[in-house]
C-alpha atoms as a PDB file:
ATOM      1  CA  LEU A   1      -1.588  11.708   9.031  1.00  0.00           C
ATOM      2  CA  TRP A   2       0.883   8.448   7.851  1.00  0.00           C
ATOM      3  CA  VAL A   3       2.416   8.755  11.257  1.00  0.00           C
ATOM      4  CA  TYR A   4      -0.987   8.831  12.675  1.00  0.00           C
ATOM      5  CA  GLU A   5      -1.931   5.498  10.715  1.00  0.00           C
ATOM      6  CA  ALA A   6       1.409   3.816  12.033  1.00  0.00           C
ATOM      7  CA  PHE A   7       0.721   4.159  15.429  1.00  0.00           C
ATOM      8  CA  GLU A   8      -2.767   3.153  15.591  1.00  0.00           C
ATOM      9  CA  ASP A   9      -1.693   0.000  13.170  1.00  0.00           C
ATOM     10  CA  SER A  10       0.627  -0.662  16.278  1.00  0.00           C
ATOM     11  CA  CYS A  11      -2.325  -0.170  18.947  1.00  0.00           C
ATOM     12  CA  ALA A  12      -0.172   3.252  20.422  1.00  0.00           C
ATOM     13  CA  TRP A  13      -3.293   5.092  20.906  1.00  0.00           C
ATOM     14  CA  ARG A  14      -2.261   8.029  22.716  1.00  0.00           C
ATOM     15  CA  ASP A  15       0.656   8.546  20.324  1.00  0.00           C
ATOM     16  CA  ALA A  16      -2.167   8.323  17.301  1.00  0.00           C
ATOM     17  CA  ASP A  17      -4.236  10.919  19.289  1.00  0.00           C
ATOM     18  CA  ALA A  18      -1.468  13.066  19.762  1.00  0.00           C
ATOM     19  CA  VAL A  19      -0.618  12.962  16.075  1.00  0.00           C
ATOM     20  CA  ARG A  20      -4.188  13.716  15.078  1.00  0.00           C
ATOM     21  CA  THR A  21      -4.438  16.654  17.563  1.00  0.00           C
ATOM     22  CA  LYS A  22      -1.145  17.990  15.878  1.00  0.00           C
ATOM     23  CA  VAL A  23      -2.211  17.585  12.376  1.00  0.00           C
ATOM     24  CA  LEU A  24      -5.841  19.231  13.078  1.00  0.00           C
ATOM     25  CA  GLU A  25      -3.804  22.045  14.759  1.00  0.00           C
ATOM     26  CA  LEU A  26      -1.648  22.760  12.099  1.00  0.00           C
ATOM     27  CA  VAL A  27      -4.661  22.712   9.445  1.00  0.00           C
ATOM     28  CA  ARG A  28      -6.292  25.367  11.463  1.00  0.00           C
ATOM     29  CA  LYS A  29      -3.367  27.457  11.725  1.00  0.00           C
ATOM     30  CA  GLY A  30      -2.744  27.166   8.045  1.00  0.00           C
ATOM     31  CA  GLU A  31       0.762  25.621   8.575  1.00  0.00           C
ATOM     32  CA  ILE A  32       0.045  22.332   6.233  1.00  0.00           C
ATOM     33  CA  PRO A  33       1.306  23.140   2.738  1.00  0.00           C
ATOM     34  CA  PHE A  34      -1.769  23.592   0.443  1.00  0.00           C
ATOM     35  CA  ASP A  35      -0.431  20.776  -2.082  1.00  0.00           C
ATOM     36  CA  HIS A  36      -0.665  18.640   0.533  1.00  0.00           C
ATOM     37  CA  LEU A  37      -4.306  19.327   1.727  1.00  0.00           C
ATOM     38  CA  PRO A  38      -5.945  17.547  -0.891  1.00  0.00           C
ATOM     39  CA  TYR A  39      -4.167  13.922   0.044  1.00  0.00           C
ATOM     40  CA  LEU A  40      -5.306  14.977   3.907  1.00  0.00           C
ATOM     41  CA  MET A  41      -8.834  15.469   2.798  1.00  0.00           C
ATOM     42  CA  VAL A  42      -9.130  11.633   1.601  1.00  0.00           C
ATOM     43  CA  LEU A  43      -7.347  10.121   4.495  1.00  0.00           C
ATOM     44  CA  ILE A  44      -9.132  12.670   7.000  1.00  0.00           C
ATOM     45  CA  ASN A  45     -12.558  10.538   6.369  1.00  0.00           C
ATOM     46  CA  HIS A  46     -10.470   7.265   7.918  1.00  0.00           C
ATOM     47  CA  VAL A  47      -9.607   8.617  10.696  1.00  0.00           C
ATOM     48  CA  PRO A  48     -11.899   7.544  13.369  1.00  0.00           C
ATOM     49  CA  ASN A  49     -13.634  10.271  16.178  1.00  0.00           C
ATOM     50  CA  ILE A  50     -13.307  12.915  14.031  1.00  0.00           C
ATOM     51  CA  SER A  51     -16.339  15.130  14.004  1.00  0.00           C
ATOM     52  CA  PRO A  52     -17.797  16.281  10.842  1.00  0.00           C
ATOM     53  CA  THR A  53     -17.462  19.848  11.403  1.00  0.00           C
ATOM     54  CA  ILE A  54     -13.356  19.293  11.528  1.00  0.00           C
ATOM     55  CA  ILE A  55     -13.560  17.094   7.983  1.00  0.00           C
ATOM     56  CA  TYR A  56     -15.719  20.427   6.642  1.00  0.00           C
ATOM     57  CA  ASP A  57     -13.266  22.593   7.998  1.00  0.00           C
ATOM     58  CA  ILE A  58     -10.481  20.927   6.304  1.00  0.00           C
ATOM     59  CA  TYR A  59     -12.380  20.503   2.951  1.00  0.00           C
ATOM     60  CA  ARG A  60     -13.422  24.386   3.199  1.00  0.00           C
ATOM     61  CA  ILE A  61      -9.940  25.745   4.227  1.00  0.00           C
ATOM     62  CA  TRP A  62      -8.803  24.021   0.551  1.00  0.00           C
ATOM     63  CA  GLY A  63     -11.728  25.403  -1.373  1.00  0.00           C
ATOM     64  CA  GLU A  64     -11.019  29.266   0.019  1.00  0.00           C
ATOM     65  CA  ALA A  65      -7.175  28.697  -0.655  1.00  0.00           C
ATOM     66  CA  THR A  66      -8.095  27.555  -4.101  1.00  0.00           C
ATOM     67  CA  LEU A  67     -10.233  30.357  -4.872  1.00  0.00           C
ATOM     68  CA  HIS A  68      -8.303  32.598  -3.351  1.00  0.00           C
ATOM     69  CA  ALA A  69      -4.997  31.794  -5.240  1.00  0.00           C
ATOM     70  CA  ALA A  70      -6.923  31.967  -8.658  1.00  0.00           C
ATOM     71  CA  LYS A  71      -8.202  35.897  -7.716  1.00  0.00           C
ATOM     72  CA  GLY A  72     -11.350  35.599  -9.962  1.00  0.00           C
ATOM     73  CA  ILE A  73      -9.548  35.047 -12.891  1.00  0.00           C
ATOM     74  CA  ARG A  74     -11.103  33.018 -15.678  1.00  0.00           C
ATOM     75  CA  LEU A  75      -9.019  32.292 -18.538  1.00  0.00           C
ATOM     76  CA  ALA A  76     -11.733  30.351 -20.274  1.00  0.00           C
ATOM     77  CA  GLU A  77     -13.688  33.187 -20.723  1.00  0.00           C
ATOM     78  CA  LYS A  78     -11.442  34.324 -23.739  1.00  0.00           C
ATOM     79  CA  ALA A  79     -10.615  31.080 -25.310  1.00  0.00           C
ATOM     80  CA  PRO A  80     -11.307  30.435 -28.693  1.00  0.00           C
ATOM     81  CA  PRO A  81     -13.746  28.511 -29.914  1.00  0.00           C
ATOM     82  CA  PRO A  82     -12.414  25.278 -31.884  1.00  0.00           C
ATOM     83  CA  ALA A  83     -12.011  26.089 -35.852  1.00  0.00           C
ATOM     84  CA  PRO A  84     -14.318  24.726 -38.365  1.00  0.00           C
ATOM     85  CA  GLY A  85     -12.512  21.676 -39.558  1.00  0.00           C
ATOM     86  CA  ALA A  86      -9.569  21.384 -37.023  1.00  0.00           C
ATOM     87  CA  ARG A  87      -9.219  19.126 -34.348  1.00  0.00           C
ATOM     88  CA  LEU A  88     -10.802  19.006 -31.238  1.00  0.00           C
ATOM     89  CA  LYS A  89      -8.395  19.635 -28.243  1.00  0.00           C
ATOM     90  CA  ILE A  90      -8.663  17.304 -25.506  1.00  0.00           C
ATOM     91  CA  ALA A  91      -6.228  17.300 -22.262  1.00  0.00           C
ATOM     92  CA  TYR A  92      -5.205  15.142 -19.717  1.00  0.00           C
ATOM     93  CA  LEU A  93      -3.746  16.038 -16.083  1.00  0.00           C
ATOM     94  CA  SER A  94      -2.331  13.728 -13.881  1.00  0.00           C
ATOM     95  CA  ALA A  95       0.601  13.076 -11.998  1.00  0.00           C
ATOM     96  CA  ASP A  96      -0.028   9.065 -12.435  1.00  0.00           C
ATOM     97  CA  PHE A  97       0.683   8.369 -15.809  1.00  0.00           C
ATOM     98  CA  ARG A  98       2.745   5.367 -14.862  1.00  0.00           C
ATOM     99  CA  GLU A  99       2.519   2.100 -12.955  1.00  0.00           C
ATOM    100  CA  HIS A 100      -0.359   3.234 -11.077  1.00  0.00           C
ATOM    101  CA  PRO A 101      -4.389   2.856 -11.575  1.00  0.00           C
ATOM    102  CA  ILE A 102      -4.839   5.453 -13.242  1.00  0.00           C
ATOM    103  CA  GLY A 103      -1.876   4.753 -15.771  1.00  0.00           C
ATOM    104  CA  LYS A 104      -3.077   1.349 -16.200  1.00  0.00           C
ATOM    105  CA  PHE A 105      -6.675   2.099 -17.175  1.00  0.00           C
ATOM    106  CA  MET A 106      -6.159   5.362 -19.344  1.00  0.00           C
ATOM    107  CA  ARG A 107      -3.083   4.002 -21.600  1.00  0.00           C
ATOM    108  CA  THR A 108      -6.281   2.253 -23.244  1.00  0.00           C
ATOM    109  CA  ILE A 109      -8.071   4.935 -23.546  1.00  0.00           C
ATOM    110  CA  PHE A 110      -5.029   7.243 -24.949  1.00  0.00           C
ATOM    111  CA  ALA A 111      -4.412   4.028 -27.188  1.00  0.00           C
ATOM    112  CA  SER A 112      -8.062   4.406 -28.751  1.00  0.00           C
ATOM    113  CA  HIS A 113      -8.449   7.877 -28.905  1.00  0.00           C
ATOM    114  CA  ASP A 114      -9.348   8.890 -33.028  1.00  0.00           C
ATOM    115  CA  HIS A 115      -6.364  11.058 -33.685  1.00  0.00           C
ATOM    116  CA  HIS A 116      -7.526  12.563 -37.185  1.00  0.00           C
ATOM    117  CA  ARG A 117     -10.496  14.161 -34.823  1.00  0.00           C
ATOM    118  CA  PHE A 118      -8.866  14.833 -31.820  1.00  0.00           C
ATOM    119  CA  GLU A 119      -5.546  16.305 -30.653  1.00  0.00           C
ATOM    120  CA  ILE A 120      -4.764  14.591 -27.723  1.00  0.00           C
ATOM    121  CA  TYR A 121      -2.586  16.318 -24.503  1.00  0.00           C
ATOM    122  CA  CYS A 122      -1.043  14.670 -21.129  1.00  0.00           C
ATOM    123  CA  TYR A 123       0.118  17.424 -18.518  1.00  0.00           C
ATOM    124  CA  VAL A 124       1.949  15.494 -16.362  1.00  0.00           C
ATOM    125  CA  HIS A 125       3.197  16.035 -12.775  1.00  0.00           C
ATOM    126  CA  THR A 126       5.713  13.573 -12.977  1.00  0.00           C
ATOM    127  CA  VAL A 127       6.155  11.321 -10.044  1.00  0.00           C
ATOM    128  CA  ALA A 128       8.101   8.248 -11.423  1.00  0.00           C
ATOM    129  CA  GLU A 129       8.237   7.131 -14.793  1.00  0.00           C
ATOM    130  CA  ASP A 130       8.091   3.809 -16.585  1.00  0.00           C
ATOM    131  CA  THR A 131       7.154   1.477 -19.492  1.00  0.00           C
ATOM    132  CA  ILE A 132       3.659   2.866 -18.596  1.00  0.00           C
ATOM    133  CA  THR A 133       4.542   6.658 -19.139  1.00  0.00           C
ATOM    134  CA  GLU A 134       6.363   5.356 -22.075  1.00  0.00           C
ATOM    135  CA  GLU A 135       3.581   3.775 -23.701  1.00  0.00           C
ATOM    136  CA  ILE A 136       1.297   6.869 -23.006  1.00  0.00           C
ATOM    137  CA  ARG A 137       3.494   9.204 -23.954  1.00  0.00           C
ATOM    138  CA  LEU A 138       3.810   7.386 -27.698  1.00  0.00           C
ATOM    139  CA  ALA A 139      -0.034   6.876 -27.844  1.00  0.00           C
ATOM    140  CA  VAL A 140      -0.942  10.884 -27.289  1.00  0.00           C
ATOM    141  CA  ASP A 141       0.183  13.967 -29.616  1.00  0.00           C
ATOM    142  CA  HIS A 142       1.535  15.935 -26.602  1.00  0.00           C
ATOM    143  CA  PHE A 143       3.004  14.771 -23.357  1.00  0.00           C
ATOM    144  CA  ILE A 144       3.928  17.834 -21.319  1.00  0.00           C
ATOM    145  CA  ASP A 145       6.032  17.642 -17.817  1.00  0.00           C
ATOM    146  CA  ILE A 146       4.413  20.218 -15.507  1.00  0.00           C
ATOM    147  CA  THR A 147       6.346  19.099 -12.404  1.00  0.00           C
ATOM    148  CA  ASP A 148       8.117  22.572 -12.026  1.00  0.00           C
ATOM    149  CA  LEU A 149       5.437  24.813 -12.692  1.00  0.00           C
ATOM    150  CA  ASP A 150       3.126  25.999  -9.992  1.00  0.00           C
ATOM    151  CA  ASN A 151      -0.758  25.726 -10.727  1.00  0.00           C
ATOM    152  CA  GLU A 152      -1.344  29.045 -12.089  1.00  0.00           C
ATOM    153  CA  GLU A 153       1.384  28.507 -14.478  1.00  0.00           C
ATOM    154  CA  VAL A 154       0.101  25.194 -15.489  1.00  0.00           C
ATOM    155  CA  ALA A 155      -3.750  27.161 -15.960  1.00  0.00           C
ATOM    156  CA  ARG A 156      -2.147  29.311 -18.307  1.00  0.00           C
ATOM    157  CA  ARG A 157       0.050  27.019 -20.178  1.00  0.00           C
ATOM    158  CA  ILE A 158      -3.131  24.706 -20.507  1.00  0.00           C
ATOM    159  CA  HIS A 159      -4.930  27.884 -21.966  1.00  0.00           C
ATOM    160  CA  ALA A 160      -2.334  28.839 -24.206  1.00  0.00           C
ATOM    161  CA  ASP A 161      -2.369  25.341 -25.959  1.00  0.00           C
ATOM    162  CA  GLY A 162      -6.158  26.141 -26.653  1.00  0.00           C
ATOM    163  CA  ILE A 163      -7.488  23.303 -25.039  1.00  0.00           C
ATOM    164  CA  HIS A 164     -11.093  22.554 -25.361  1.00  0.00           C
ATOM    165  CA  ILE A 165     -11.587  19.884 -23.162  1.00  0.00           C
ATOM    166  CA  LEU A 166      -9.718  19.604 -20.119  1.00  0.00           C
ATOM    167  CA  VAL A 167     -10.083  16.003 -18.118  1.00  0.00           C
ATOM    168  CA  GLU A 168      -8.471  16.046 -14.598  1.00  0.00           C
ATOM    169  CA  LEU A 169      -7.631  12.622 -13.139  1.00  0.00           C
ATOM    170  CA  GLY A 170      -5.889  13.620 -10.079  1.00  0.00           C
ATOM    171  CA  SER A 171      -8.843  14.330  -7.797  1.00  0.00           C
ATOM    172  CA  HIS A 172      -7.702  14.875  -3.896  1.00  0.00           C
ATOM    173  CA  MET A 173      -4.825  12.359  -4.195  1.00  0.00           C
ATOM    174  CA  ALA A 174      -0.883  13.167  -3.810  1.00  0.00           C
ATOM    175  CA  HIS A 175       0.614  15.525  -6.676  1.00  0.00           C
ATOM    176  CA  SER A 176      -3.084  16.514  -7.759  1.00  0.00           C
ATOM    177  CA  ARG A 177      -3.467  19.700  -9.953  1.00  0.00           C
ATOM    178  CA  LEU A 178      -6.898  20.004  -9.173  1.00  0.00           C
ATOM    179  CA  ALA A 179      -6.382  23.276  -8.231  1.00  0.00           C
ATOM    180  CA  ALA A 180      -5.046  24.926 -11.138  1.00  0.00           C
ATOM    181  CA  LEU A 181      -8.927  24.206 -12.887  1.00  0.00           C
ATOM    182  CA  SER A 182      -9.826  27.002 -10.652  1.00  0.00           C
ATOM    183  CA  TRP A 183      -8.656  29.379 -13.182  1.00  0.00           C
ATOM    184  CA  LYS A 184     -10.674  28.006 -15.850  1.00  0.00           C
ATOM    185  CA  PRO A 185      -7.847  26.948 -18.333  1.00  0.00           C
ATOM    186  CA  ALA A 186     -10.619  25.544 -20.751  1.00  0.00           C
ATOM    187  CA  PRO A 187     -13.935  26.157 -21.429  1.00  0.00           C
ATOM    188  CA  VAL A 188     -15.150  22.823 -20.486  1.00  0.00           C
ATOM    189  CA  GLN A 189     -13.345  20.920 -17.573  1.00  0.00           C
ATOM    190  CA  ILE A 190     -14.353  17.768 -15.970  1.00  0.00           C
ATOM    191  CA  THR A 191     -12.842  15.837 -12.852  1.00  0.00           C
ATOM    192  CA  TYR A 192     -12.806  11.836 -13.741  1.00  0.00           C
ATOM    193  CA  LEU A 193     -12.167   8.770 -11.675  1.00  0.00           C
END
């Protein structure tokens, strides 16, 4: 769709329509890589003359693929509750712990956590590292690179770490690991921002 936007911005309407048609055809055939669908889901809402049915179909395809990947496994059904007196384990999942609005916003939150009561984890799909990445790394207890893990491996790692609350920050953006939540790796899961 980036090519579509480039053609549209340059008023190359026929080329834009051809690209849009091709992208939608690839989605219907299941030929768009699964990890690209979340970003496509955001962009497609801004493409003119797309029917609500097509938008629904793209979201449905992603949802079905996500649920199918998890195969009904719910890891958190066996997750242990926090031990009495132990710190509550809170984890954040994102690809944007860097010079990005998410990184800039969250570094303040990470710096504000009470580390006597909460053990803070960051699971990061590394896109780039910079000074904000380093600030965040220093502000949390555990900074874990999950770039080379698939979504099931991410879910299993989070579950193995005994996370009590998982905060997903990527939603439907590029490099999101939202699909990992379909395994329910933590008893409490939220999407924020």
